[in-house]
Structure formats: structure tokens, C-alpha cells
Amino acid sequence: MARSNEARLTQRVCKLTGARAAELGDRVQALWGGYGELRRVELEGAQRETVVVKHVTPPHERELGGDARALRSHRRKLRSYAVELAFYRNYAARCSDACRVPALIHGCADDGGFLFVLEDLDAAGFPGRSRQASDAEIHAGLEWLAAFHAQFLHTVPEGLWKVGSYWHLGARPDELARLDSRALQRAAPLIDARLNQARFQTLVHGDAKLANFCFAKDPAHIAAVDFQYVGGGVGVKDVAYFLSSCLTSEQCAARVPGYLEVYFRALGARVANDQRAPVVDSSALENEWRALFPWAWVDFHRFFLGWAPAEASRDRYSNDLTHALLAALP
């Protein structure tokens, strides 16, 4: 980031937070595709000592040279940041400590991009990141997802993706076209429809991989970030993707059934304790989502086979699940 841009950014952060002075810290991470970055900002004279700034600075469409695939990807990314802004503005306040998210201090569309000033979760007591999840961390992630899905059960995703998750079929025609499996290509719309027409719908995080969770010293306490692909869907879409990000293919057959029990126990408890009307038939909810779990797993694997076929083809668990599902279709 050029020094003049850094100076303008720190001035804006001072104004938005009421700080006397602000200093940009190290880059937390780059945004996907070179669309900006996250920076931690140290504040003086403000209520908070630090904030995290997510500054989205995308290229202009003319820089993409008219490539149809690049334009689709670009517009999908821009839509994702608009969705994230809508989530933080209109939905995040409904998240309890059981599905903790960072507070939005300021968010706006910003000169063709977006600016988010967010609570620093490290300072809030969630400094831990995990590359290889422990059993306790996986339990915590599933508990977070259960609380989130129960909180937003039957919520209409206004301003969000109608179908949540970054891999949903309507957003990924290029990956579908690249599939080697003609049987999976033909089945993809049926799988998509089965998931989208389920009786019980909620909001799904849409990118609930291990890297998007932040842990406290006690791994039972957890928060989540990155809500670019939040939208409508069945909760097991998040569960399948989360577990696939935590477990190797070799671990899945032995460990996925037990982790599903953890998720559904937590979901049932959250739904049972929810005082909102109408009363949810928790048995029907669990039965439907259990039956849809392999459909959700295969739905993501369909995208992965089109996006990174060499890697996806080595995933024996996912390939076996896909073959079994395709064989059972009429």
C-alpha cells in the first residue's frame, strides 16, 4: 500500500473510531485474488486499542480485458463483499456468544471497493488459529455452527446470497463445465435442487473452513470471520465443508459419524431452548439434514473436482461417497 494511501486510511480510521492517532500494523492477510488486504491498526485515545481494517480494492472491469470467465469471477467477488457488508449491518447483532462474530465498527462501499473496520478478535480474547484441528477445536467449530444455524433457522436471506456457499452450482458454471464425470455433470442440478428445496432452511456461513475460526485459550470458546458467502441453505453444507477442512480423506470414514453426532446434539439442544415461535420439530429437522449430509458433501466435491481435479481425484472418501450417491439416483 502506497504511503499516501496509508496516510488517508489511518486518517479515516481515526475519524471513524474517535482516535487521536492511528498506526497501521502488519498485514494480517491478503484478500483472495489480490483484491485488498486486512491490516491491524493500533489506536491512541480511542475506546479500543486496536481494530482490524478490511480494505477491498478491486481492479476495474476494463483491466480484465473482456475475458468472460474473469468477469464472472470479478463480479462474484464484488457481490460477496456487498453480502458481507449486509451481514454485518443487518444480521451479526443477532449472533450470541455461542456463535461469536466480530463487531462492525464501520462498513461502507468505498470508491469501487469496500471498507470494513472490525473488532480485533485477537484483542477480544480469540488469538488462536489452527492449521491442524484438535478434537476439542472440531467440537467447538461444530458447536458454533449448530448455534448459528439454530439462530437463523427459517430466516429469509434478504441482501445475502439466496443460496449460500461459494461453491453453489449457480455461481460455478466454469467448474461444472470442466468436470470429467458426465454422470456427475448430469446429476449436479438434481443435487443442487434437493439441497435448495429442503423443508428446513437457515443461513449458512458459506465458507466455514478451519482457517476462518479464531480460538480462545480454552478451545471451547470460538469466533468466526469471513462472511462473504453467507446465505440460505441447509446447515449440513457448512458441516460437510468444515469437516473436510479438518480431516484427511483417510480420517473421514472413521471420524465423520461421531462428529455428526456432536453437531446434531448441539443443534437439537439449541432448537429446544429457543423461545422464538414457531416451535420447530427438531426430530424432523435432524432427520432431513442427516439424510442430506452426503448430498451436501458431494455438492462441494463436485465443485472441487472442477476446480482442482488432480487434488480432488485423490480424495478417496469423497469419491466413494459420490459414486454411492450417483448409483442410488433414479
Protein backbone atom coordinates (compact mmCIF):
# COMPACT_ATOMS: atom_id res chain seq x y z
CA MET A 1 0.00 0.00 0.00
CA ALA A 2 1.50 3.37 -1.03
CA ARG A 3 2.36 5.78 1.79
CA SER A 4 -0.21 8.34 0.62
CA ASN A 5 -2.91 5.68 0.66
CA GLU A 6 -1.77 4.51 4.09
CA ALA A 7 -2.00 8.08 5.41
CA ARG A 8 -5.52 8.51 4.04
CA LEU A 9 -6.57 5.19 5.55
CA THR A 10 -5.22 6.00 9.01
CA GLN A 11 -6.94 9.41 8.89
CA ARG A 12 -10.24 7.75 8.07
CA VAL A 13 -9.81 5.18 10.85
CA CYS A 14 -9.10 7.98 13.33
CA LYS A 15 -12.27 9.77 12.29
CA LEU A 16 -14.39 6.62 12.45
CA THR A 17 -13.08 5.45 15.82
CA GLY A 18 -12.52 8.80 17.52
CA ALA A 19 -8.83 8.06 17.96
CA ARG A 20 -6.24 10.85 18.30
CA ALA A 21 -3.80 8.85 16.21
CA ALA A 22 -3.63 5.55 14.37
CA GLU A 23 -0.76 3.44 13.11
CA LEU A 24 -1.01 0.64 10.59
CA GLY A 25 0.39 -2.62 11.92
CA ASP A 26 1.43 -5.67 9.99
CA ARG A 27 -0.77 -7.07 7.27
CA VAL A 28 -2.98 -9.80 8.72
CA GLN A 29 -3.51 -11.34 5.30
CA ALA A 30 -4.06 -10.54 1.66
CA LEU A 31 -7.55 -10.92 0.24
CA TRP A 32 -8.16 -13.62 -2.34
CA GLY A 33 -7.16 -12.71 -5.88
CA GLY A 34 -5.28 -9.56 -4.89
CA TYR A 35 -8.48 -7.68 -4.01
CA GLY A 36 -7.06 -5.90 -0.99
CA GLU A 37 -5.84 -6.77 2.47
CA LEU A 38 -6.58 -6.96 6.17
CA ARG A 39 -4.47 -4.76 8.43
CA ARG A 40 -4.38 -4.44 12.17
CA VAL A 41 -4.45 -0.77 13.23
CA GLU A 42 -3.21 0.48 16.59
CA LEU A 43 -5.20 3.37 18.06
CA GLU A 44 -4.43 6.11 20.55
CA GLY A 45 -7.14 7.85 22.55
CA ALA A 46 -9.97 5.56 21.46
CA GLN A 47 -12.16 3.09 23.31
CA ARG A 48 -10.33 0.24 21.60
CA GLU A 49 -6.56 -0.16 21.42
CA THR A 50 -6.69 -1.96 18.07
CA VAL A 51 -9.09 -2.65 15.21
CA VAL A 52 -8.82 -4.75 12.07
CA VAL A 53 -9.37 -2.98 8.76
CA LYS A 54 -10.52 -4.97 5.76
CA HIS A 55 -9.91 -2.77 2.73
CA VAL A 56 -11.23 -4.17 -0.54
CA THR A 57 -9.55 -2.52 -3.53
CA PRO A 58 -10.58 -4.49 -6.63
CA PRO A 59 -9.40 -3.90 -10.19
CA HIS A 60 -11.68 -2.11 -12.63
CA GLU A 61 -13.51 -4.30 -15.12
CA ARG A 62 -11.63 -2.73 -18.02
CA GLU A 63 -8.42 -4.14 -16.58
CA LEU A 64 -9.74 -7.67 -17.08
CA GLY A 65 -9.58 -7.44 -20.85
CA GLY A 66 -13.09 -8.66 -21.60
CA ASP A 67 -12.40 -12.25 -20.52
CA ALA A 68 -15.83 -13.72 -19.70
CA ARG A 69 -14.55 -16.11 -17.04
CA ALA A 70 -12.52 -13.39 -15.34
CA LEU A 71 -15.52 -11.04 -15.40
CA ARG A 72 -17.75 -13.67 -13.78
CA SER A 73 -15.20 -14.21 -11.06
CA HIS A 74 -14.74 -10.47 -10.54
CA ARG A 75 -18.45 -9.78 -10.25
CA ARG A 76 -18.90 -12.73 -7.90
CA LYS A 77 -16.18 -11.32 -5.62
CA LEU A 78 -17.74 -7.84 -5.62
CA ARG A 79 -21.13 -9.33 -4.80
CA SER A 80 -19.53 -11.31 -1.98
CA TYR A 81 -18.24 -8.17 -0.26
CA ALA A 82 -21.63 -6.48 -0.60
CA VAL A 83 -23.15 -9.56 1.03
CA GLU A 84 -20.59 -9.45 3.84
CA LEU A 85 -21.44 -5.80 4.49
CA ALA A 86 -25.15 -6.64 4.58
CA PHE A 87 -24.50 -9.48 7.02
CA TYR A 88 -22.54 -7.31 9.44
CA ARG A 89 -25.08 -4.50 9.23
CA ASN A 90 -28.30 -6.47 9.42
CA TYR A 91 -27.67 -9.91 10.91
CA ALA A 92 -24.49 -10.02 13.02
CA ALA A 93 -26.13 -8.40 16.05
CA ARG A 94 -28.34 -11.49 16.35
CA CYS A 95 -25.31 -13.71 16.92
CA SER A 96 -24.90 -14.70 20.56
CA ASP A 97 -21.66 -15.58 22.31
CA ALA A 98 -22.30 -19.17 21.19
CA CYS A 99 -21.79 -18.11 17.57
CA ARG A 100 -19.47 -15.17 18.19
CA VAL A 101 -18.57 -12.82 15.31
CA PRO A 102 -16.57 -9.57 15.28
CA ALA A 103 -18.47 -6.35 15.83
CA LEU A 104 -18.70 -4.00 12.87
CA ILE A 105 -17.46 -0.55 13.85
CA HIS A 106 -17.88 0.88 10.36
CA GLY A 107 -18.61 -0.52 6.94
CA CYS A 108 -19.25 1.12 3.59
CA ALA A 109 -18.86 0.84 -0.16
CA ASP A 110 -15.62 2.65 -0.89
CA ASP A 111 -14.64 4.07 -4.29
CA GLY A 112 -15.47 0.91 -6.20
CA GLY A 113 -14.46 -1.30 -3.29
CA PHE A 114 -15.38 -1.71 0.37
CA LEU A 115 -14.06 -0.66 3.75
CA PHE A 116 -14.72 -2.63 6.94
CA VAL A 117 -13.48 -1.51 10.35
CA LEU A 118 -13.94 -4.50 12.62
CA GLU A 119 -13.39 -5.52 16.21
CA ASP A 120 -9.98 -7.12 16.69
CA LEU A 121 -10.79 -10.66 17.77
CA ASP A 122 -7.22 -11.22 18.98
CA ALA A 123 -7.69 -8.37 21.47
CA ALA A 124 -11.13 -9.73 22.36
CA GLY A 125 -9.58 -13.00 23.55
CA PHE A 126 -9.59 -15.13 20.40
CA PRO A 127 -5.94 -15.09 19.25
CA GLY A 128 -5.68 -18.75 18.29
CA ARG A 129 -5.57 -20.05 14.73
CA SER A 130 -5.27 -23.72 13.87
CA ARG A 131 -3.83 -25.42 10.82
CA GLN A 132 -4.41 -28.92 12.14
CA ALA A 133 -7.51 -29.10 14.31
CA SER A 134 -7.59 -30.92 17.60
CA ASP A 135 -10.65 -32.89 18.62
CA ALA A 136 -11.62 -30.07 21.00
CA GLU A 137 -11.35 -27.49 18.23
CA ILE A 138 -13.51 -29.55 15.89
CA HIS A 139 -16.12 -29.90 18.64
CA ALA A 140 -16.03 -26.14 19.15
CA GLY A 141 -16.47 -25.47 15.44
CA LEU A 142 -19.46 -27.81 15.27
CA GLU A 143 -20.98 -26.17 18.35
CA TRP A 144 -20.54 -22.75 16.73
CA LEU A 145 -22.21 -23.95 13.53
CA ALA A 146 -25.11 -25.51 15.45
CA ALA A 147 -25.71 -22.25 17.34
CA PHE A 148 -25.52 -20.20 14.14
CA HIS A 149 -27.88 -22.49 12.24
CA ALA A 150 -30.38 -22.60 15.10
CA GLN A 151 -30.29 -18.81 15.46
CA PHE A 152 -31.12 -18.22 11.80
CA LEU A 153 -33.46 -21.14 11.17
CA HIS A 154 -36.18 -20.09 8.67
CA THR A 155 -34.54 -16.68 8.17
CA VAL A 156 -35.09 -15.21 4.69
CA PRO A 157 -31.65 -14.20 3.34
CA GLU A 158 -32.51 -10.65 2.34
CA GLY A 159 -29.45 -8.85 0.99
CA LEU A 160 -27.41 -12.05 1.22
CA TRP A 161 -26.84 -14.85 -1.27
CA LYS A 162 -30.13 -16.59 -1.97
CA VAL A 163 -28.09 -19.80 -1.96
CA GLY A 164 -25.20 -19.58 0.47
CA SER A 165 -21.69 -21.10 -0.03
CA TYR A 166 -19.06 -20.06 -2.53
CA TRP A 167 -19.35 -23.32 -4.48
CA HIS A 168 -23.09 -23.39 -5.15
CA LEU A 169 -23.96 -24.54 -8.63
CA GLY A 170 -25.49 -21.32 -9.92
CA ALA A 171 -22.25 -19.43 -9.25
CA ARG A 172 -19.85 -22.02 -10.69
CA PRO A 173 -20.61 -22.79 -14.36
CA ASP A 174 -16.92 -22.93 -15.31
CA GLU A 175 -16.10 -25.62 -12.77
CA LEU A 176 -19.15 -27.62 -13.83
CA ALA A 177 -18.06 -27.47 -17.46
CA ARG A 178 -14.59 -28.77 -16.55
CA LEU A 179 -15.88 -31.91 -14.82
CA ASP A 180 -14.61 -35.14 -16.37
CA SER A 181 -17.54 -37.09 -14.93
CA ARG A 182 -20.54 -36.76 -17.22
CA ALA A 183 -22.66 -38.61 -14.67
CA LEU A 184 -21.86 -36.00 -12.02
CA GLN A 185 -22.45 -33.18 -14.50
CA ARG A 186 -25.93 -34.55 -15.21
CA ALA A 187 -26.66 -35.11 -11.51
CA ALA A 188 -25.40 -31.70 -10.34
CA PRO A 189 -28.70 -29.82 -10.92
CA LEU A 190 -30.61 -32.57 -9.10
CA ILE A 191 -28.26 -32.41 -6.12
CA ASP A 192 -28.49 -28.62 -6.09
CA ALA A 193 -32.29 -28.71 -6.20
CA ARG A 194 -32.51 -31.34 -3.46
CA LEU A 195 -30.48 -29.14 -1.12
CA ASN A 196 -32.23 -25.89 -2.03
CA GLN A 197 -35.75 -27.32 -1.77
CA ALA A 198 -35.33 -28.81 1.69
CA ARG A 199 -38.07 -28.02 4.17
CA PHE A 200 -35.70 -26.67 6.82
CA GLN A 201 -33.54 -23.78 5.65
CA THR A 202 -31.28 -21.49 7.63
CA LEU A 203 -28.39 -19.15 6.98
CA VAL A 204 -25.14 -20.94 6.25
CA HIS A 205 -21.75 -19.34 6.81
CA GLY A 206 -20.78 -20.43 3.32
CA ASP A 207 -17.01 -20.64 3.87
CA ALA A 208 -16.80 -22.40 7.23
CA LYS A 209 -13.30 -23.79 6.86
CA LEU A 210 -10.98 -24.20 9.82
CA ALA A 211 -8.95 -21.13 8.82
CA ASN A 212 -12.00 -18.89 9.34
CA PHE A 213 -12.31 -19.73 13.03
CA CYS A 214 -10.49 -17.97 15.87
CA PHE A 215 -9.94 -19.74 19.18
CA ALA A 216 -9.60 -18.58 22.77
CA LYS A 217 -7.03 -20.15 25.09
CA ASP A 218 -9.82 -22.50 26.04
CA PRO A 219 -10.60 -24.03 22.61
CA ALA A 220 -14.26 -24.40 23.60
CA HIS A 221 -14.60 -20.66 23.04
CA ILE A 222 -14.54 -19.72 19.39
CA ALA A 223 -15.43 -16.95 16.95
CA ALA A 224 -15.79 -16.90 13.17
CA VAL A 225 -14.87 -14.45 10.43
CA ASP A 226 -15.28 -14.02 6.66
CA PHE A 227 -18.97 -13.78 5.81
CA GLN A 228 -18.69 -13.15 2.07
CA TYR A 229 -20.73 -16.20 1.14
CA VAL A 230 -23.38 -16.29 3.84
CA GLY A 231 -26.86 -17.07 2.55
CA GLY A 232 -29.70 -19.54 2.54
CA GLY A 233 -29.19 -23.27 2.80
CA VAL A 234 -29.22 -26.41 4.88
CA GLY A 235 -26.84 -26.43 7.84
CA VAL A 236 -25.08 -29.61 6.80
CA LYS A 237 -23.49 -27.74 3.89
CA ASP A 238 -21.37 -25.91 6.45
CA VAL A 239 -20.79 -29.07 8.46
CA ALA A 240 -19.55 -31.05 5.45
CA TYR A 241 -17.20 -28.28 4.36
CA PHE A 242 -15.90 -27.69 7.89
CA LEU A 243 -15.13 -31.36 8.46
CA SER A 244 -13.48 -31.66 5.06
CA SER A 245 -11.16 -28.81 6.07
CA CYS A 246 -10.23 -30.51 9.36
CA LEU A 247 -9.85 -34.17 8.41
CA THR A 248 -7.81 -36.07 5.88
CA SER A 249 -9.59 -38.38 3.49
CA GLU A 250 -8.23 -41.33 5.46
CA GLN A 251 -9.68 -39.97 8.73
CA CYS A 252 -13.15 -39.23 7.41
CA ALA A 253 -14.67 -42.71 7.35
CA ALA A 254 -13.82 -43.33 11.00
CA ARG A 255 -14.45 -39.88 12.45
CA VAL A 256 -17.22 -38.16 10.47
CA PRO A 257 -20.08 -40.21 12.01
CA GLY A 258 -19.03 -39.26 15.53
CA TYR A 259 -18.70 -35.60 14.65
CA LEU A 260 -22.17 -35.62 13.10
CA GLU A 261 -23.49 -36.78 16.47
CA VAL A 262 -21.76 -33.81 18.13
CA TYR A 263 -23.35 -31.39 15.67
CA PHE A 264 -26.87 -32.79 15.87
CA ARG A 265 -26.82 -32.99 19.68
CA ALA A 266 -25.79 -29.34 19.79
CA LEU A 267 -28.34 -28.34 17.16
CA GLY A 268 -31.15 -30.16 18.95
CA ALA A 269 -30.29 -28.50 22.25
CA ARG A 270 -30.19 -25.04 20.66
CA VAL A 271 -33.51 -25.53 18.90
CA ALA A 272 -35.16 -26.93 22.03
CA ASN A 273 -34.05 -23.93 24.09
CA ASP A 274 -35.10 -21.36 21.51
CA GLN A 275 -38.03 -19.36 22.84
CA ARG A 276 -38.95 -17.92 19.46
CA ALA A 277 -42.13 -19.02 17.69
CA PRO A 278 -42.98 -21.15 15.85
CA VAL A 279 -41.87 -24.29 17.63
CA VAL A 280 -39.53 -26.33 15.42
CA ASP A 281 -39.95 -30.07 15.02
CA SER A 282 -36.37 -30.90 15.95
CA SER A 283 -36.71 -34.59 15.05
CA ALA A 284 -37.91 -33.74 11.55
CA LEU A 285 -35.11 -31.18 11.21
CA GLU A 286 -32.44 -33.70 12.22
CA ASN A 287 -33.87 -36.45 10.01
CA GLU A 288 -33.93 -34.21 6.96
CA TRP A 289 -30.45 -32.76 7.44
CA ARG A 290 -28.90 -36.16 8.28
CA ALA A 291 -30.28 -37.53 5.03
CA LEU A 292 -28.91 -34.51 3.14
CA PHE A 293 -25.41 -34.68 4.62
CA PRO A 294 -23.97 -36.87 1.82
CA TRP A 295 -25.69 -34.68 -0.76
CA ALA A 296 -24.02 -31.64 0.75
CA TRP A 297 -20.62 -33.34 0.79
CA VAL A 298 -20.95 -34.43 -2.82
CA ASP A 299 -22.14 -30.96 -3.83
CA PHE A 300 -18.85 -29.46 -2.59
CA HIS A 301 -16.83 -32.31 -4.09
CA ARG A 302 -18.48 -31.58 -7.45
CA PHE A 303 -17.07 -28.06 -7.30
CA PHE A 304 -13.67 -29.27 -6.12
CA LEU A 305 -13.40 -31.79 -8.96
CA GLY A 306 -13.93 -28.95 -11.43
CA TRP A 307 -11.62 -26.51 -9.63
CA ALA A 308 -8.67 -28.70 -8.62
CA PRO A 309 -9.25 -32.08 -10.31
CA ALA A 310 -5.79 -33.52 -9.62
CA GLU A 311 -6.15 -33.00 -5.88
CA ALA A 312 -9.84 -33.87 -5.68
CA SER A 313 -9.36 -37.12 -7.57
CA ARG A 314 -7.08 -38.39 -4.77
CA ASP A 315 -9.81 -37.90 -2.13
CA ARG A 316 -10.98 -41.48 -1.77
CA TYR A 317 -13.65 -40.75 0.86
CA SER A 318 -15.32 -38.06 -1.24
CA ASN A 319 -15.07 -40.08 -4.43
CA ASP A 320 -16.59 -43.15 -2.77
CA LEU A 321 -19.41 -41.02 -1.35
CA THR A 322 -20.01 -39.50 -4.80
CA HIS A 323 -20.09 -42.87 -6.54
CA ALA A 324 -22.55 -44.24 -3.97
CA LEU A 325 -24.86 -41.24 -4.33
CA LEU A 326 -24.81 -41.35 -8.12
CA ALA A 327 -25.53 -45.10 -8.08
CA ALA A 328 -28.60 -44.54 -5.89
CA LEU A 329 -30.13 -41.89 -8.16
CA PRO A 330 -33.01 -43.00 -10.41
